[in-house]
Amino acid sequence: LRDSSRFTRLGGRIPKGVLLQGPPGTGKTLLAKAIAGE
C-alpha cells in the first residue's frame, strides 16, 4: 500500500483480499485499522 510500484516492477502479485478470523472481541477491526494506519 505504501509503494505498489516497487512490487509491480518486479512482477510481484499481492492478494486482493485478506481475511481476519477469530472469536468476537479479539481485535479484528483494530487490526484492520492498524493496517491503514501503518
All heavy atoms as atom14 arrays in JSON, in Angstrom:
{
  "sequence": "LRDSSRFTRLGGRIPKGVLLQGPPGTGKTLLAKAIAGE",
  "atom14_mask": [
    [1, 1, 1, 1, 1, 1, 1, 1, 0, 0, 0, 0, 0, 0],
    [1, 1, 1, 1, 1, 1, 1, 1, 1, 1, 1, 0, 0, 0],
    [1, 1, 1, 1, 1, 1, 1, 1, 0, 0, 0, 0, 0, 0],
    [1, 1, 1, 1, 1, 1, 0, 0, 0, 0, 0, 0, 0, 0],
    [1, 1, 1, 1, 1, 1, 0, 0, 0, 0, 0, 0, 0, 0],
    [1, 1, 1, 1, 1, 1, 1, 1, 1, 1, 1, 0, 0, 0],
    [1, 1, 1, 1, 1, 1, 1, 1, 1, 1, 1, 0, 0, 0],
    [1, 1, 1, 1, 1, 1, 1, 0, 0, 0, 0, 0, 0, 0],
    [1, 1, 1, 1, 1, 1, 1, 1, 1, 1, 1, 0, 0, 0],
    [1, 1, 1, 1, 1, 1, 1, 1, 0, 0, 0, 0, 0, 0],
    [1, 1, 1, 1, 0, 0, 0, 0, 0, 0, 0, 0, 0, 0],
    [1, 1, 1, 1, 0, 0, 0, 0, 0, 0, 0, 0, 0, 0],
    [1, 1, 1, 1, 1, 1, 1, 1, 1, 1, 1, 0, 0, 0],
    [1, 1, 1, 1, 1, 1, 1, 1, 0, 0, 0, 0, 0, 0],
    [1, 1, 1, 1, 1, 1, 1, 0, 0, 0, 0, 0, 0, 0],
    [1, 1, 1, 1, 1, 1, 1, 1, 1, 0, 0, 0, 0, 0],
    [1, 1, 1, 1, 0, 0, 0, 0, 0, 0, 0, 0, 0, 0],
    [1, 1, 1, 1, 1, 1, 1, 0, 0, 0, 0, 0, 0, 0],
    [1, 1, 1, 1, 1, 1, 1, 1, 0, 0, 0, 0, 0, 0],
    [1, 1, 1, 1, 1, 1, 1, 1, 0, 0, 0, 0, 0, 0],
    [1, 1, 1, 1, 1, 1, 1, 1, 1, 0, 0, 0, 0, 0],
    [1, 1, 1, 1, 0, 0, 0, 0, 0, 0, 0, 0, 0, 0],
    [1, 1, 1, 1, 1, 1, 1, 0, 0, 0, 0, 0, 0, 0],
    [1, 1, 1, 1, 1, 1, 1, 0, 0, 0, 0, 0, 0, 0],
    [1, 1, 1, 1, 0, 0, 0, 0, 0, 0, 0, 0, 0, 0],
    [1, 1, 1, 1, 1, 1, 1, 0, 0, 0, 0, 0, 0, 0],
    [1, 1, 1, 1, 0, 0, 0, 0, 0, 0, 0, 0, 0, 0],
    [1, 1, 1, 1, 1, 1, 1, 1, 1, 0, 0, 0, 0, 0],
    [1, 1, 1, 1, 1, 1, 1, 0, 0, 0, 0, 0, 0, 0],
    [1, 1, 1, 1, 1, 1, 1, 1, 0, 0, 0, 0, 0, 0],
    [1, 1, 1, 1, 1, 1, 1, 1, 0, 0, 0, 0, 0, 0],
    [1, 1, 1, 1, 1, 0, 0, 0, 0, 0, 0, 0, 0, 0],
    [1, 1, 1, 1, 1, 1, 1, 1, 1, 0, 0, 0, 0, 0],
    [1, 1, 1, 1, 1, 0, 0, 0, 0, 0, 0, 0, 0, 0],
    [1, 1, 1, 1, 1, 1, 1, 1, 0, 0, 0, 0, 0, 0],
    [1, 1, 1, 1, 1, 0, 0, 0, 0, 0, 0, 0, 0, 0],
    [1, 1, 1, 1, 0, 0, 0, 0, 0, 0, 0, 0, 0, 0],
    [1, 1, 1, 1, 1, 1, 1, 1, 1, 0, 0, 0, 0, 0]
  ],
  "atom14_positions": [
    [[0.83, -1.21, 0.0], [0.0, 0.0, 0.0], [0.86, 1.26, 0.0], [0.5, 2.27, -0.59], [-0.92, 0.0, 1.23], [-2.09, -0.99, 1.19], [-2.76, -1.1, 2.55], [-3.12, -0.58, 0.14], [0.0, 0.0, 0.0], [0.0, 0.0, 0.0], [0.0, 0.0, 0.0], [0.0, 0.0, 0.0], [0.0, 0.0, 0.0], [0.0, 0.0, 0.0]],
    [[2.01, 1.18, 0.65], [2.89, 2.35, 0.7], [3.5, 2.63, -0.67], [3.58, 3.78, -1.1], [4.0, 2.11, 1.72], [3.55, 2.21, 3.18], [4.69, 1.82, 4.09], [4.32, 1.97, 5.5], [5.08, 1.5, 6.49], [6.23, 0.88, 6.23], [4.69, 1.67, 7.75], [0.0, 0.0, 0.0], [0.0, 0.0, 0.0], [0.0, 0.0, 0.0]],
    [[3.94, 1.59, -1.36], [4.59, 1.77, -2.66], [4.34, 0.54, -3.52], [5.15, -0.39, -3.55], [6.1, 2.0, -2.46], [6.81, 2.33, -3.76], [6.12, 2.57, -4.78], [8.06, 2.33, -3.79], [0.0, 0.0, 0.0], [0.0, 0.0, 0.0], [0.0, 0.0, 0.0], [0.0, 0.0, 0.0], [0.0, 0.0, 0.0], [0.0, 0.0, 0.0]],
    [[3.2, 0.54, -4.21], [2.83, -0.62, -5.01], [3.72, -0.78, -6.24], [3.92, -1.89, -6.74], [1.37, -0.53, -5.44], [1.16, 0.65, -6.21], [0.0, 0.0, 0.0], [0.0, 0.0, 0.0], [0.0, 0.0, 0.0], [0.0, 0.0, 0.0], [0.0, 0.0, 0.0], [0.0, 0.0, 0.0], [0.0, 0.0, 0.0], [0.0, 0.0, 0.0]],
    [[4.27, 0.35, -6.74], [5.08, 0.27, -7.96], [6.33, -0.57, -7.75], [6.82, -1.22, -8.68], [5.46, 1.68, -8.43], [6.21, 2.34, -7.42], [0.0, 0.0, 0.0], [0.0, 0.0, 0.0], [0.0, 0.0, 0.0], [0.0, 0.0, 0.0], [0.0, 0.0, 0.0], [0.0, 0.0, 0.0], [0.0, 0.0, 0.0], [0.0, 0.0, 0.0]],
    [[6.84, -0.6, -6.53], [8.04, -1.39, -6.26], [7.77, -2.87, -6.46], [8.63, -3.62, -6.91], [8.5, -1.13, -4.83], [9.78, -1.86, -4.43], [10.37, -1.21, -3.21], [9.47, -1.27, -2.08], [9.49, -2.27, -1.17], [10.35, -3.27, -1.31], [8.67, -2.27, -0.17], [0.0, 0.0, 0.0], [0.0, 0.0, 0.0], [0.0, 0.0, 0.0]],
    [[6.54, -3.3, -6.17], [6.18, -4.7, -6.35], [5.85, -5.01, -7.81], [6.24, -6.05, -8.33], [4.99, -5.06, -5.45], [5.33, -5.15, -3.99], [5.41, -4.0, -3.22], [5.57, -6.36, -3.39], [5.71, -4.07, -1.88], [5.88, -6.46, -2.04], [5.95, -5.3, -1.28], [0.0, 0.0, 0.0], [0.0, 0.0, 0.0], [0.0, 0.0, 0.0]],
    [[5.1, -4.11, -8.43], [4.68, -4.38, -9.81], [5.86, -4.38, -10.78], [5.84, -5.1, -11.78], [3.65, -3.34, -10.24], [4.18, -2.02, -10.07], [2.37, -3.47, -9.42], [0.0, 0.0, 0.0], [0.0, 0.0, 0.0], [0.0, 0.0, 0.0], [0.0, 0.0, 0.0], [0.0, 0.0, 0.0], [0.0, 0.0, 0.0], [0.0, 0.0, 0.0]],
    [[6.88, -3.57, -10.49], [8.07, -3.57, -11.36], [8.75, -4.92, -11.35], [9.32, -5.36, -12.36], [9.05, -2.49, -10.9], [8.67, -1.08, -11.28], [9.87, -0.15, -11.16], [10.49, -0.22, -9.85], [10.2, 0.6, -8.84], [9.27, 1.55, -9.0], [10.81, 0.47, -7.68], [0.0, 0.0, 0.0], [0.0, 0.0, 0.0], [0.0, 0.0, 0.0]],
    [[8.7, -5.6, -10.22], [9.34, -6.91, -10.09], [8.41, -8.06, -10.46], [8.78, -9.22, -10.35], [9.85, -7.1, -8.66], [10.88, -6.07, -8.17], [11.18, -6.29, -6.69], [12.15, -6.17, -9.0], [0.0, 0.0, 0.0], [0.0, 0.0, 0.0], [0.0, 0.0, 0.0], [0.0, 0.0, 0.0], [0.0, 0.0, 0.0], [0.0, 0.0, 0.0]],
    [[7.2, -7.71, -10.89], [6.24, -8.75, -11.27], [5.56, -9.4, -10.1], [4.97, -10.48, -10.24], [0.0, 0.0, 0.0], [0.0, 0.0, 0.0], [0.0, 0.0, 0.0], [0.0, 0.0, 0.0], [0.0, 0.0, 0.0], [0.0, 0.0, 0.0], [0.0, 0.0, 0.0], [0.0, 0.0, 0.0], [0.0, 0.0, 0.0], [0.0, 0.0, 0.0]],
    [[5.63, -8.77, -8.94], [5.0, -9.34, -7.76], [3.49, -9.2, -7.79], [2.94, -8.32, -8.45], [0.0, 0.0, 0.0], [0.0, 0.0, 0.0], [0.0, 0.0, 0.0], [0.0, 0.0, 0.0], [0.0, 0.0, 0.0], [0.0, 0.0, 0.0], [0.0, 0.0, 0.0], [0.0, 0.0, 0.0], [0.0, 0.0, 0.0], [0.0, 0.0, 0.0]],
    [[2.81, -10.07, -7.07], [1.35, -10.04, -7.0], [0.91, -10.11, -5.55], [1.27, -11.03, -4.83], [0.74, -11.22, -7.77], [-0.79, -11.17, -7.85], [-1.34, -12.41, -8.52], [-1.08, -13.61, -7.73], [-1.84, -14.03, -6.72], [-2.9, -13.33, -6.38], [-1.54, -15.13, -6.07], [0.0, 0.0, 0.0], [0.0, 0.0, 0.0], [0.0, 0.0, 0.0]],
    [[0.21, -9.1, -5.14], [-0.28, -9.03, -3.76], [-1.74, -9.47, -3.75], [-2.52, -9.09, -4.63], [-0.17, -7.6, -3.21], [1.29, -7.19, -3.16], [-0.79, -7.48, -1.82], [2.15, -8.04, -2.24], [0.0, 0.0, 0.0], [0.0, 0.0, 0.0], [0.0, 0.0, 0.0], [0.0, 0.0, 0.0], [0.0, 0.0, 0.0], [0.0, 0.0, 0.0]],
    [[-2.16, -10.28, -2.78], [-3.55, -10.71, -2.73], [-4.5, -9.52, -2.65], [-4.2, -8.51, -2.02], [-3.61, -11.54, -1.43], [-2.21, -11.98, -1.19], [-1.34, -10.89, -1.71], [0.0, 0.0, 0.0], [0.0, 0.0, 0.0], [0.0, 0.0, 0.0], [0.0, 0.0, 0.0], [0.0, 0.0, 0.0], [0.0, 0.0, 0.0], [0.0, 0.0, 0.0]],
    [[-5.63, -9.66, -3.31], [-6.62, -8.57, -3.29], [-7.4, -8.56, -1.99], [-7.96, -7.53, -1.62], [-7.58, -8.73, -4.46], [-6.91, -8.64, -5.82], [-7.88, -8.92, -6.94], [-7.19, -8.86, -8.3], [-8.1, -9.2, -9.4], [0.0, 0.0, 0.0], [0.0, 0.0, 0.0], [0.0, 0.0, 0.0], [0.0, 0.0, 0.0], [0.0, 0.0, 0.0]],
    [[-7.43, -9.72, -1.29], [-8.23, -9.79, -0.08], [-7.48, -10.46, 1.06], [-6.73, -11.41, 0.86], [0.0, 0.0, 0.0], [0.0, 0.0, 0.0], [0.0, 0.0, 0.0], [0.0, 0.0, 0.0], [0.0, 0.0, 0.0], [0.0, 0.0, 0.0], [0.0, 0.0, 0.0], [0.0, 0.0, 0.0], [0.0, 0.0, 0.0], [0.0, 0.0, 0.0]],
    [[-7.69, -9.94, 2.26], [-7.11, -10.51, 3.48], [-8.27, -10.82, 4.42], [-9.12, -9.96, 4.68], [-6.14, -9.52, 4.15], [-5.63, -10.1, 5.46], [-4.99, -9.2, 3.21], [0.0, 0.0, 0.0], [0.0, 0.0, 0.0], [0.0, 0.0, 0.0], [0.0, 0.0, 0.0], [0.0, 0.0, 0.0], [0.0, 0.0, 0.0], [0.0, 0.0, 0.0]],
    [[-8.33, -12.05, 4.92], [-9.41, -12.47, 5.81], [-8.89, -12.6, 7.23], [-7.95, -13.35, 7.5], [-9.98, -13.82, 5.34], [-11.17, -14.35, 6.14], [-12.38, -13.43, 5.99], [-11.53, -15.77, 5.69], [0.0, 0.0, 0.0], [0.0, 0.0, 0.0], [0.0, 0.0, 0.0], [0.0, 0.0, 0.0], [0.0, 0.0, 0.0], [0.0, 0.0, 0.0]],
    [[-9.51, -11.85, 8.14], [-9.18, -11.92, 9.56], [-10.25, -12.75, 10.24], [-11.44, -12.44, 10.14], [-9.14, -10.51, 10.17], [-8.24, -9.49, 9.48], [-8.36, -8.13, 10.15], [-6.79, -9.96, 9.47], [0.0, 0.0, 0.0], [0.0, 0.0, 0.0], [0.0, 0.0, 0.0], [0.0, 0.0, 0.0], [0.0, 0.0, 0.0], [0.0, 0.0, 0.0]],
    [[-9.85, -13.81, 10.91], [-10.81, -14.67, 11.56], [-10.45, -14.85, 13.02], [-9.28, -14.88, 13.4], [-10.89, -16.03, 10.86], [-9.57, -16.81, 10.86], [-9.68, -18.08, 10.05], [-9.97, -18.05, 8.86], [-9.47, -19.22, 10.71], [0.0, 0.0, 0.0], [0.0, 0.0, 0.0], [0.0, 0.0, 0.0], [0.0, 0.0, 0.0], [0.0, 0.0, 0.0]],
    [[-11.47, -14.96, 13.85], [-11.26, -15.12, 15.27], [-12.54, -14.84, 16.03], [-13.48, -14.24, 15.49], [0.0, 0.0, 0.0], [0.0, 0.0, 0.0], [0.0, 0.0, 0.0], [0.0, 0.0, 0.0], [0.0, 0.0, 0.0], [0.0, 0.0, 0.0], [0.0, 0.0, 0.0], [0.0, 0.0, 0.0], [0.0, 0.0, 0.0], [0.0, 0.0, 0.0]],
    [[-12.61, -15.24, 17.3], [-13.82, -15.01, 18.1], [-14.1, -13.51, 18.25], [-13.21, -12.68, 18.06], [-13.48, -15.65, 19.47], [-12.34, -16.58, 19.17], [-11.58, -15.97, 18.05], [0.0, 0.0, 0.0], [0.0, 0.0, 0.0], [0.0, 0.0, 0.0], [0.0, 0.0, 0.0], [0.0, 0.0, 0.0], [0.0, 0.0, 0.0], [0.0, 0.0, 0.0]],
    [[-15.32, -13.17, 18.61], [-15.64, -11.74, 18.81], [-14.78, -11.12, 19.91], [-14.48, -11.76, 20.92], [-17.12, -11.77, 19.22], [-17.65, -13.07, 18.69], [-16.51, -14.03, 18.76], [0.0, 0.0, 0.0], [0.0, 0.0, 0.0], [0.0, 0.0, 0.0], [0.0, 0.0, 0.0], [0.0, 0.0, 0.0], [0.0, 0.0, 0.0], [0.0, 0.0, 0.0]],
    [[-14.37, -9.89, 19.69], [-13.62, -9.17, 20.7], [-12.13, -9.41, 20.68], [-11.42, -9.01, 21.62], [0.0, 0.0, 0.0], [0.0, 0.0, 0.0], [0.0, 0.0, 0.0], [0.0, 0.0, 0.0], [0.0, 0.0, 0.0], [0.0, 0.0, 0.0], [0.0, 0.0, 0.0], [0.0, 0.0, 0.0], [0.0, 0.0, 0.0], [0.0, 0.0, 0.0]],
    [[-11.61, -10.06, 19.65], [-10.18, -10.35, 19.6], [-9.39, -9.3, 18.82], [-8.19, -9.47, 18.61], [-9.94, -11.74, 18.97], [-10.63, -11.81, 17.72], [-10.46, -12.83, 19.89], [0.0, 0.0, 0.0], [0.0, 0.0, 0.0], [0.0, 0.0, 0.0], [0.0, 0.0, 0.0], [0.0, 0.0, 0.0], [0.0, 0.0, 0.0], [0.0, 0.0, 0.0]],
    [[-10.04, -8.22, 18.37], [-9.3, -7.12, 17.78], [-9.18, -7.15, 16.27], [-8.25, -6.54, 15.72], [0.0, 0.0, 0.0], [0.0, 0.0, 0.0], [0.0, 0.0, 0.0], [0.0, 0.0, 0.0], [0.0, 0.0, 0.0], [0.0, 0.0, 0.0], [0.0, 0.0, 0.0], [0.0, 0.0, 0.0], [0.0, 0.0, 0.0], [0.0, 0.0, 0.0]],
    [[-10.12, -7.79, 15.59], [-10.03, -7.86, 14.13], [-10.2, -6.47, 13.5], [-9.46, -6.09, 12.58], [-11.09, -8.83, 13.59], [-10.92, -10.26, 14.08], [-11.91, -11.2, 13.44], [-13.35, -10.96, 13.88], [-13.56, -11.22, 15.32], [0.0, 0.0, 0.0], [0.0, 0.0, 0.0], [0.0, 0.0, 0.0], [0.0, 0.0, 0.0], [0.0, 0.0, 0.0]],
    [[-11.17, -5.72, 13.99], [-11.39, -4.37, 13.44], [-10.21, -3.47, 13.75], [-9.77, -2.68, 12.9], [-12.68, -3.77, 14.04], [-13.78, -4.64, 13.74], [-12.94, -2.39, 13.47], [0.0, 0.0, 0.0], [0.0, 0.0, 0.0], [0.0, 0.0, 0.0], [0.0, 0.0, 0.0], [0.0, 0.0, 0.0], [0.0, 0.0, 0.0], [0.0, 0.0, 0.0]],
    [[-9.66, -3.57, 14.96], [-8.5, -2.77, 15.34], [-7.31, -3.09, 14.45], [-6.57, -2.18, 14.03], [-8.15, -3.02, 16.81], [-6.98, -2.2, 17.37], [-7.32, -0.72, 17.37], [-6.64, -2.68, 18.78], [0.0, 0.0, 0.0], [0.0, 0.0, 0.0], [0.0, 0.0, 0.0], [0.0, 0.0, 0.0], [0.0, 0.0, 0.0], [0.0, 0.0, 0.0]],
    [[-7.13, -4.37, 14.13], [-6.02, -4.76, 13.27], [-6.2, -4.2, 11.87], [-5.24, -3.76, 11.23], [-5.91, -6.29, 13.23], [-4.72, -6.87, 12.46], [-3.4, -6.36, 13.03], [-4.76, -8.39, 12.49], [0.0, 0.0, 0.0], [0.0, 0.0, 0.0], [0.0, 0.0, 0.0], [0.0, 0.0, 0.0], [0.0, 0.0, 0.0], [0.0, 0.0, 0.0]],
    [[-7.43, -4.2, 11.36], [-7.68, -3.64, 10.03], [-7.38, -2.15, 10.0], [-6.79, -1.63, 9.05], [-9.13, -3.9, 9.63], [0.0, 0.0, 0.0], [0.0, 0.0, 0.0], [0.0, 0.0, 0.0], [0.0, 0.0, 0.0], [0.0, 0.0, 0.0], [0.0, 0.0, 0.0], [0.0, 0.0, 0.0], [0.0, 0.0, 0.0], [0.0, 0.0, 0.0]],
    [[-7.77, -1.43, 11.06], [-7.45, -0.01, 11.13], [-5.95, 0.21, 11.22], [-5.41, 1.18, 10.68], [-8.14, 0.62, 12.34], [-9.64, 0.73, 12.23], [-10.23, 1.42, 13.44], [-11.74, 1.57, 13.31], [-12.34, 2.24, 14.5], [0.0, 0.0, 0.0], [0.0, 0.0, 0.0], [0.0, 0.0, 0.0], [0.0, 0.0, 0.0], [0.0, 0.0, 0.0]],
    [[-5.26, -0.7, 11.92], [-3.81, -0.56, 12.06], [-3.11, -0.73, 10.71], [-2.08, -0.08, 10.47], [-3.29, -1.59, 13.06], [0.0, 0.0, 0.0], [0.0, 0.0, 0.0], [0.0, 0.0, 0.0], [0.0, 0.0, 0.0], [0.0, 0.0, 0.0], [0.0, 0.0, 0.0], [0.0, 0.0, 0.0], [0.0, 0.0, 0.0], [0.0, 0.0, 0.0]],
    [[-3.65, -1.59, 9.84], [-3.06, -1.74, 8.51], [-3.13, -0.4, 7.77], [-2.15, 0.06, 7.17], [-3.79, -2.83, 7.72], [-3.66, -4.18, 8.41], [-3.22, -2.93, 6.3], [-4.52, -5.27, 7.77], [0.0, 0.0, 0.0], [0.0, 0.0, 0.0], [0.0, 0.0, 0.0], [0.0, 0.0, 0.0], [0.0, 0.0, 0.0], [0.0, 0.0, 0.0]],
    [[-4.3, 0.23, 7.81], [-4.45, 1.53, 7.15], [-3.58, 2.58, 7.81], [-3.0, 3.45, 7.15], [-5.92, 1.96, 7.19], [0.0, 0.0, 0.0], [0.0, 0.0, 0.0], [0.0, 0.0, 0.0], [0.0, 0.0, 0.0], [0.0, 0.0, 0.0], [0.0, 0.0, 0.0], [0.0, 0.0, 0.0], [0.0, 0.0, 0.0], [0.0, 0.0, 0.0]],
    [[-3.48, 2.51, 9.15], [-2.66, 3.48, 9.86], [-1.18, 3.34, 9.53], [-0.47, 4.34, 9.35], [0.0, 0.0, 0.0], [0.0, 0.0, 0.0], [0.0, 0.0, 0.0], [0.0, 0.0, 0.0], [0.0, 0.0, 0.0], [0.0, 0.0, 0.0], [0.0, 0.0, 0.0], [0.0, 0.0, 0.0], [0.0, 0.0, 0.0], [0.0, 0.0, 0.0]],
    [[-0.7, 2.12, 9.47], [0.71, 1.89, 9.13], [1.02, 2.35, 7.71], [2.08, 2.9, 7.43], [1.05, 0.41, 9.28], [1.13, -0.09, 10.71], [2.39, 0.39, 11.42], [3.37, 0.76, 10.73], [2.39, 0.4, 12.66], [0.0, 0.0, 0.0], [0.0, 0.0, 0.0], [0.0, 0.0, 0.0], [0.0, 0.0, 0.0], [0.0, 0.0, 0.0]]
  ]
}
